Structure formats: structure tokens, C-alpha cells
PDB file of N, CA and C in Angstrom:
ATOM      1  N   MET A   1      -4.711   9.702  -8.070  1.00  0.00           N
ATOM      2  CA  MET A   1      -3.896  10.799  -8.567  1.00  0.00           C
ATOM      3  C   MET A   1      -3.731  11.912  -7.528  1.00  0.00           C
ATOM      4  N   CYS A   2      -4.723  12.102  -6.698  1.00  0.00           N
ATOM      5  CA  CYS A   2      -4.752  13.258  -5.808  1.00  0.00           C
ATOM      6  C   CYS A   2      -3.905  13.042  -4.560  1.00  0.00           C
ATOM      7  N   SER A   3      -3.097  14.031  -4.233  1.00  0.00           N
ATOM      8  CA  SER A   3      -2.324  13.978  -2.996  1.00  0.00           C
ATOM      9  C   SER A   3      -2.763  15.081  -2.034  1.00  0.00           C
ATOM     10  N   HIS A   4      -3.867  15.771  -2.353  1.00  0.00           N
ATOM     11  CA  HIS A   4      -4.372  16.833  -1.492  1.00  0.00           C
ATOM     12  C   HIS A   4      -5.101  16.252  -0.290  1.00  0.00           C
ATOM     13  N   GLN A   5      -5.146  17.030   0.793  1.00  0.00           N
ATOM     14  CA  GLN A   5      -5.901  16.635   1.981  1.00  0.00           C
ATOM     15  C   GLN A   5      -6.896  17.733   2.283  1.00  0.00           C
ATOM     16  N   PRO A   6      -8.177  17.491   2.320  1.00  0.00           N
ATOM     17  CA  PRO A   6      -8.813  16.224   1.990  1.00  0.00           C
ATOM     18  C   PRO A   6      -8.680  15.934   0.489  1.00  0.00           C
ATOM     19  N   ALA A   7      -8.783  14.671   0.154  1.00  0.00           N
ATOM     20  CA  ALA A   7      -8.613  14.248  -1.239  1.00  0.00           C
ATOM     21  C   ALA A   7      -9.712  14.827  -2.127  1.00  0.00           C
ATOM     22  N   CYS A   8      -9.360  15.135  -3.358  1.00  0.00           N
ATOM     23  CA  CYS A   8     -10.330  15.628  -4.335  1.00  0.00           C
ATOM     24  C   CYS A   8     -11.307  14.502  -4.694  1.00  0.00           C
ATOM     25  N   PRO A   9     -12.527  14.856  -5.093  1.00  0.00           N
ATOM     26  CA  PRO A   9     -13.479  13.820  -5.520  1.00  0.00           C
ATOM     27  C   PRO A   9     -12.962  13.110  -6.770  1.00  0.00           C
ATOM     28  N   THR A  10     -13.261  11.834  -6.888  1.00  0.00           N
ATOM     29  CA  THR A  10     -12.832  11.074  -8.061  1.00  0.00           C
ATOM     30  C   THR A  10     -13.611  11.519  -9.293  1.00  0.00           C
ATOM     31  N   ALA A  11     -13.147  11.117 -10.447  1.00  0.00           N
ATOM     32  CA  ALA A  11     -13.802  11.485 -11.704  1.00  0.00           C
ATOM     33  C   ALA A  11     -15.188  10.861 -11.820  1.00  0.00           C
ATOM     34  N   ASP A  12     -15.456   9.790 -11.075  1.00  0.00           N
ATOM     35  CA  ASP A  12     -16.760   9.138 -11.098  1.00  0.00           C
ATOM     36  C   ASP A  12     -17.752   9.739 -10.108  1.00  0.00           C
ATOM     37  N   SER A  13     -17.290  10.638  -9.252  1.00  0.00           N
ATOM     38  CA  SER A  13     -18.156  11.254  -8.249  1.00  0.00           C
ATOM     39  C   SER A  13     -19.085  12.281  -8.890  1.00  0.00           C
ATOM     40  N   THR A  14     -20.236  12.469  -8.260  1.00  0.00           N
ATOM     41  CA  THR A  14     -21.174  13.468  -8.781  1.00  0.00           C
ATOM     42  C   THR A  14     -20.626  14.882  -8.618  1.00  0.00           C
ATOM     43  N   ASP A  15     -19.729  15.095  -7.673  1.00  0.00           N
ATOM     44  CA  ASP A  15     -19.140  16.421  -7.462  1.00  0.00           C
ATOM     45  C   ASP A  15     -17.706  16.510  -7.998  1.00  0.00           C
ATOM     46  N   HIS A  16     -17.417  15.764  -9.067  1.00  0.00           N
ATOM     47  CA  HIS A  16     -16.046  15.707  -9.592  1.00  0.00           C
ATOM     48  C   HIS A  16     -15.497  17.060 -10.037  1.00  0.00           C
ATOM     49  N   HIS A  17     -16.369  18.034 -10.295  1.00  0.00           N
ATOM     50  CA  HIS A  17     -15.910  19.370 -10.692  1.00  0.00           C
ATOM     51  C   HIS A  17     -15.265  20.132  -9.538  1.00  0.00           C
ATOM     52  N   ALA A  18     -15.418  19.625  -8.323  1.00  0.00           N
ATOM     53  CA  ALA A  18     -14.831  20.274  -7.155  1.00  0.00           C
ATOM     54  C   ALA A  18     -13.337  19.972  -7.022  1.00  0.00           C
ATOM     55  N   ALA A  19     -12.804  19.129  -7.874  1.00  0.00           N
ATOM     56  CA  ALA A  19     -11.370  18.808  -7.827  1.00  0.00           C
ATOM     57  C   ALA A  19     -10.549  20.050  -8.185  1.00  0.00           C
ATOM     58  N   ILE A  20      -9.350  20.093  -7.683  1.00  0.00           N
ATOM     59  CA  ILE A  20      -8.448  21.228  -7.897  1.00  0.00           C
ATOM     60  C   ILE A  20      -7.904  21.222  -9.322  1.00  0.00           C
ATOM     61  N   ILE A  21      -7.824  22.402  -9.925  1.00  0.00           N
ATOM     62  CA  ILE A  21      -7.222  22.545 -11.257  1.00  0.00           C
ATOM     63  C   ILE A  21      -5.707  22.425 -11.102  1.00  0.00           C
ATOM     64  N   VAL A  22      -5.110  21.485 -11.837  1.00  0.00           N
ATOM     65  CA  VAL A  22      -3.659  21.296 -11.759  1.00  0.00           C
ATOM     66  C   VAL A  22      -2.947  21.855 -12.982  1.00  0.00           C
ATOM     67  N   SER A  23      -3.680  22.061 -14.068  1.00  0.00           N
ATOM     68  CA  SER A  23      -3.106  22.660 -15.265  1.00  0.00           C
ATOM     69  C   SER A  23      -4.207  23.437 -15.973  1.00  0.00           C
ATOM     70  N   SER A  24      -3.938  24.711 -16.223  1.00  0.00           N
ATOM     71  CA  SER A  24      -4.946  25.577 -16.819  1.00  0.00           C
ATOM     72  C   SER A  24      -4.457  26.103 -18.165  1.00  0.00           C
ATOM     73  N   HIS A  25      -5.297  25.986 -19.175  1.00  0.00           N
ATOM     74  CA  HIS A  25      -4.964  26.474 -20.514  1.00  0.00           C
ATOM     75  C   HIS A  25      -6.159  27.262 -21.064  1.00  0.00           C
ATOM     76  N   PRO A  26      -6.467  28.414 -20.460  1.00  0.00           N
ATOM     77  CA  PRO A  26      -7.636  29.188 -20.883  1.00  0.00           C
ATOM     78  C   PRO A  26      -7.527  29.672 -22.326  1.00  0.00           C
ATOM     79  N   GLU A  27      -6.319  29.853 -22.818  1.00  0.00           N
ATOM     80  CA  GLU A  27      -6.146  30.281 -24.210  1.00  0.00           C
ATOM     81  C   GLU A  27      -6.584  29.196 -25.189  1.00  0.00           C
ATOM     82  N   GLN A  28      -6.595  27.948 -24.722  1.00  0.00           N
ATOM     83  CA  GLN A  28      -7.050  26.825 -25.536  1.00  0.00           C
ATOM     84  C   GLN A  28      -8.430  26.339 -25.112  1.00  0.00           C
ATOM     85  N   GLY A  29      -8.953  26.871 -24.005  1.00  0.00           N
ATOM     86  CA  GLY A  29     -10.303  26.556 -23.579  1.00  0.00           C
ATOM     87  C   GLY A  29     -10.464  25.292 -22.759  1.00  0.00           C
ATOM     88  N   TRP A  30      -9.419  24.871 -22.022  1.00  0.00           N
ATOM     89  CA  TRP A  30      -9.560  23.669 -21.205  1.00  0.00           C
ATOM     90  C   TRP A  30      -8.713  23.745 -19.943  1.00  0.00           C
ATOM     91  N   HIS A  31      -9.094  22.890 -18.951  1.00  0.00           N
ATOM     92  CA  HIS A  31      -8.405  22.798 -17.668  1.00  0.00           C
ATOM     93  C   HIS A  31      -8.327  21.327 -17.271  1.00  0.00           C
ATOM     94  N   LEU A  32      -7.212  20.924 -16.710  1.00  0.00           N
ATOM     95  CA  LEU A  32      -7.031  19.573 -16.195  1.00  0.00           C
ATOM     96  C   LEU A  32      -7.249  19.593 -14.696  1.00  0.00           C
ATOM     97  N   LEU A  33      -8.159  18.752 -14.223  1.00  0.00           N
ATOM     98  CA  LEU A  33      -8.425  18.650 -12.790  1.00  0.00           C
ATOM     99  C   LEU A  33      -7.552  17.570 -12.166  1.00  0.00           C
ATOM    100  N   CYS A  34      -7.368  17.644 -10.872  1.00  0.00           N
ATOM    101  CA  CYS A  34      -6.534  16.699 -10.133  1.00  0.00           C
ATOM    102  C   CYS A  34      -6.997  15.255 -10.304  1.00  0.00           C
ATOM    103  N   ASN A  35      -8.280  15.045 -10.531  1.00  0.00           N
ATOM    104  CA  ASN A  35      -8.813  13.689 -10.683  1.00  0.00           C
ATOM    105  C   ASN A  35      -8.679  13.154 -12.115  1.00  0.00           C
ATOM    106  N   GLY A  36      -7.985  13.889 -12.978  1.00  0.00           N
ATOM    107  CA  GLY A  36      -7.738  13.432 -14.343  1.00  0.00           C
ATOM    108  C   GLY A  36      -8.777  13.860 -15.353  1.00  0.00           C
ATOM    109  N   THR A  37      -9.810  14.562 -14.930  1.00  0.00           N
ATOM    110  CA  THR A  37     -10.849  15.044 -15.836  1.00  0.00           C
ATOM    111  C   THR A  37     -10.373  16.299 -16.546  1.00  0.00           C
ATOM    112  N   ILE A  38     -10.621  16.374 -17.841  1.00  0.00           N
ATOM    113  CA  ILE A  38     -10.364  17.602 -18.596  1.00  0.00           C
ATOM    114  C   ILE A  38     -11.704  18.263 -18.830  1.00  0.00           C
ATOM    115  N   VAL A  39     -11.839  19.506 -18.388  1.00  0.00           N
ATOM    116  CA  VAL A  39     -13.085  20.244 -18.584  1.00  0.00           C
ATOM    117  C   VAL A  39     -12.826  21.351 -19.606  1.00  0.00           C
ATOM    118  N   PHE A  40     -13.784  21.507 -20.502  1.00  0.00           N
ATOM    119  CA  PHE A  40     -13.674  22.500 -21.561  1.00  0.00           C
ATOM    120  C   PHE A  40     -14.590  23.673 -21.273  1.00  0.00           C
ATOM    121  N   ASP A  41     -14.254  24.836 -21.828  1.00  0.00           N
ATOM    122  CA  ASP A  41     -15.038  26.047 -21.610  1.00  0.00           C
ATOM    123  C   ASP A  41     -16.486  25.910 -22.060  1.00  0.00           C
ATOM    124  N   ASP A  42     -16.753  25.023 -23.021  1.00  0.00           N
ATOM    125  CA  ASP A  42     -18.129  24.849 -23.504  1.00  0.00           C
ATOM    126  C   ASP A  42     -18.915  23.875 -22.637  1.00  0.00           C
ATOM    127  N   THR A  43     -18.380  23.487 -21.479  1.00  0.00           N
ATOM    128  CA  THR A  43     -18.936  22.559 -20.487  1.00  0.00           C
ATOM    129  C   THR A  43     -18.791  21.094 -20.874  1.00  0.00           C
ATOM    130  N   GLY A  44     -18.161  20.774 -21.983  1.00  0.00           N
ATOM    131  CA  GLY A  44     -17.873  19.390 -22.319  1.00  0.00           C
ATOM    132  C   GLY A  44     -16.744  18.881 -21.430  1.00  0.00           C
ATOM    133  N   GLU A  45     -16.607  17.562 -21.353  1.00  0.00           N
ATOM    134  CA  GLU A  45     -15.581  16.955 -20.506  1.00  0.00           C
ATOM    135  C   GLU A  45     -14.987  15.733 -21.185  1.00  0.00           C
ATOM    136  N   LEU A  46     -13.758  15.445 -20.848  1.00  0.00           N
ATOM    137  CA  LEU A  46     -13.096  14.204 -21.232  1.00  0.00           C
ATOM    138  C   LEU A  46     -12.665  13.545 -19.931  1.00  0.00           C
ATOM    139  N   LEU A  47     -13.232  12.373 -19.642  1.00  0.00           N
ATOM    140  CA  LEU A  47     -12.940  11.677 -18.395  1.00  0.00           C
ATOM    141  C   LEU A  47     -11.682  10.832 -18.550  1.00  0.00           C
ATOM    142  N   PRO A  48     -11.012  10.509 -17.448  1.00  0.00           N
ATOM    143  CA  PRO A  48      -9.746   9.766 -17.519  1.00  0.00           C
ATOM    144  C   PRO A  48      -9.842   8.426 -18.224  1.00  0.00           C
ATOM    145  N   ASP A  49     -11.022   7.803 -18.230  1.00  0.00           N
ATOM    146  CA  ASP A  49     -11.158   6.505 -18.891  1.00  0.00           C
ATOM    147  C   ASP A  49     -11.480   6.640 -20.384  1.00  0.00           C
ATOM    148  N   GLY A  50     -11.473   7.876 -20.899  1.00  0.00           N
ATOM    149  CA  GLY A  50     -11.700   8.113 -22.321  1.00  0.00           C
ATOM    150  C   GLY A  50     -13.129   8.459 -22.691  1.00  0.00           C
ATOM    151  N   ARG A  51     -14.054   8.357 -21.720  1.00  0.00           N
ATOM    152  CA  ARG A  51     -15.445   8.724 -22.016  1.00  0.00           C
ATOM    153  C   ARG A  51     -15.550  10.219 -22.248  1.00  0.00           C
ATOM    154  N   VAL A  52     -16.457  10.582 -23.142  1.00  0.00           N
ATOM    155  CA  VAL A  52     -16.699  11.984 -23.473  1.00  0.00           C
ATOM    156  C   VAL A  52     -18.050  12.395 -22.913  1.00  0.00           C
ATOM    157  N   VAL A  53     -18.101  13.545 -22.257  1.00  0.00           N
ATOM    158  CA  VAL A  53     -19.351  14.121 -21.770  1.00  0.00           C
ATOM    159  C   VAL A  53     -19.642  15.312 -22.672  1.00  0.00           C
ATOM    160  N   SER A  54     -20.760  15.250 -23.379  1.00  0.00           N
ATOM    161  CA  SER A  54     -21.127  16.326 -24.305  1.00  0.00           C
ATOM    162  C   SER A  54     -21.410  17.614 -23.555  1.00  0.00           C
ATOM    163  N   PRO A  55     -21.175  18.745 -24.211  1.00  0.00           N
ATOM    164  CA  PRO A  55     -21.484  20.042 -23.581  1.00  0.00           C
ATOM    165  C   PRO A  55     -22.962  20.133 -23.233  1.00  0.00           C
ATOM    166  N   ARG A  56     -23.235  20.797 -22.128  1.00  0.00           N
ATOM    167  CA  ARG A  56     -24.617  21.048 -21.715  1.00  0.00           C
ATOM    168  C   ARG A  56     -24.978  22.463 -22.124  1.00  0.00           C
ATOM    169  N   ARG A  57     -26.054  22.602 -22.794  1.00  0.00           N
ATOM    170  CA  ARG A  57     -26.502  23.918 -23.239  1.00  0.00           C
ATOM    171  C   ARG A  57     -27.753  24.295 -22.473  1.00  0.00           C
ATOM    172  N   ALA A  58     -27.831  25.533 -22.048  1.00  0.00           N
ATOM    173  CA  ALA A  58     -29.016  26.015 -21.340  1.00  0.00           C
ATOM    174  C   ALA A  58     -30.187  26.118 -22.317  1.00  0.00           C
ATOM    175  N   ALA A  59     -31.376  25.867 -21.821  1.00  0.00           N
ATOM    176  CA  ALA A  59     -32.582  25.955 -22.659  1.00  0.00           C
ATOM    177  C   ALA A  59     -32.688  27.361 -23.232  1.00  0.00           C
ATOM    178  N   GLY A  60     -32.975  27.442 -24.491  1.00  0.00           N
ATOM    179  CA  GLY A  60     -33.140  28.729 -25.160  1.00  0.00           C
ATOM    180  C   GLY A  60     -31.846  29.348 -25.645  1.00  0.00           C
ATOM    181  N   THR A  61     -30.730  28.637 -25.490  1.00  0.00           N
ATOM    182  CA  THR A  61     -29.449  29.149 -25.951  1.00  0.00           C
ATOM    183  C   THR A  61     -29.345  28.995 -27.461  1.00  0.00           C
ATOM    184  N   LEU A  62     -29.023  30.065 -28.131  1.00  0.00           N
ATOM    185  CA  LEU A  62     -28.874  30.054 -29.577  1.00  0.00           C
ATOM    186  C   LEU A  62     -27.421  29.867 -29.924  1.00  0.00           C
ATOM    187  N   VAL A  63     -27.118  28.863 -30.725  1.00  0.00           N
ATOM    188  CA  VAL A  63     -25.763  28.610 -31.171  1.00  0.00           C
ATOM    189  C   VAL A  63     -25.708  28.980 -32.645  1.00  0.00           C
ATOM    190  N   VAL A  64     -24.813  29.921 -32.963  1.00  0.00           N
ATOM    191  CA  VAL A  64     -24.687  30.398 -34.341  1.00  0.00           C
ATOM    192  C   VAL A  64     -23.360  29.928 -34.894  1.00  0.00           C
ATOM    193  N   ALA A  65     -23.411  29.237 -36.020  1.00  0.00           N
ATOM    194  CA  ALA A  65     -22.163  28.784 -36.662  1.00  0.00           C
ATOM    195  C   ALA A  65     -21.590  29.927 -37.473  1.00  0.00           C
ATOM    196  N   ALA A  66     -20.287  30.038 -37.427  1.00  0.00           N
ATOM    197  CA  ALA A  66     -19.607  31.123 -38.155  1.00  0.00           C
ATOM    198  C   ALA A  66     -19.377  30.736 -39.598  1.00  0.00           C
TER     199      ALA A  66
END
């Protein structure tokens, strides 16, 4: 997918978050990276092959349901 030089890391790379944002929707809480990964504000991810990466929460973080 990437036409940048140097090429962005693939979605399978450990540094895949270093890919360039090609579409940003902060009002909806997500960004599309050049490698096809969708990253969400809560740190969750949707990979191009359909796999879901659950949000990572820092130890001691309190989540309160509204």
C-alpha cells in the first residue's frame, strides 16, 4: 500500500505504528495508517487482515462505565 520513501513498516512489523497517517478522524476516535492499520484512541487496533488488537490499559488505570 505504501508509496513513501523510505517505505512505511508493514502491519505485521513490530514498529507498525510508525507508518504515516493517511486519514485522520479524531472526532470519531480513529486514524488510518498507510499500512492499512486502523488505530483507535483507546489504543485498540484493527489490522488489514481483520484481526483485532484489544486496547492496552496501563496498570492501575480505573475505567468507569457511564
